[in-house]
Amino acid sequence: MVRVEQQVHKNPWSLPTFLLEFSHPDKMVFVARLPDDELLGYICGWAIADEAQLHNVAVAGNWQGCGLAWRLLDKFIAEARRRDVVEVVLEVRASNGSAIRLYEGYGFQTVGHRQNYYDHPKEDAYIMKMATGNKSNTGGQS
């Protein structure tokens, strides 16, 4: 995963960051592999209460553009729905047009902006959300 991460992201996660992510009790992690175990891509995040946070998506360079990120996102959202998540939230680099198009195509909407959220290089992030279609557990109270 670290190798794909370094290949794909401007400021890649380190092995300790991945280990911390995967130690969380509410983690959601999906990978795409070939039969020979070659890693093609992954998606990870957490589902806490009725919200899922999508933290990282990566597809190996030679597999980009073939719909793999969409299929990984499909798995993530399906698991979020199974866990009764009401909405999925993520941050994305403002310059990452391909990721923004992927998320918008899936039904995410930009709901906010975080100035100078990313380092290396310093860059803003858009906050995006998508409702899963599950009902809120508020019992109709406001």
Foldseek 3Di string as FASTA:
>chain_A
DQVQQVQFDLDGDDPVVVVVQVVDPFKDKDWDADPVRHTFWMWMWGADQQEIETEDITGRPVPPPPCPSVVRVVSVLVVSVVVLHFKYKYKDFPPPVVVVVSCVVVPKDFDAKAAQPDVSPRTIITMIMHTSPGDDPPVPDD
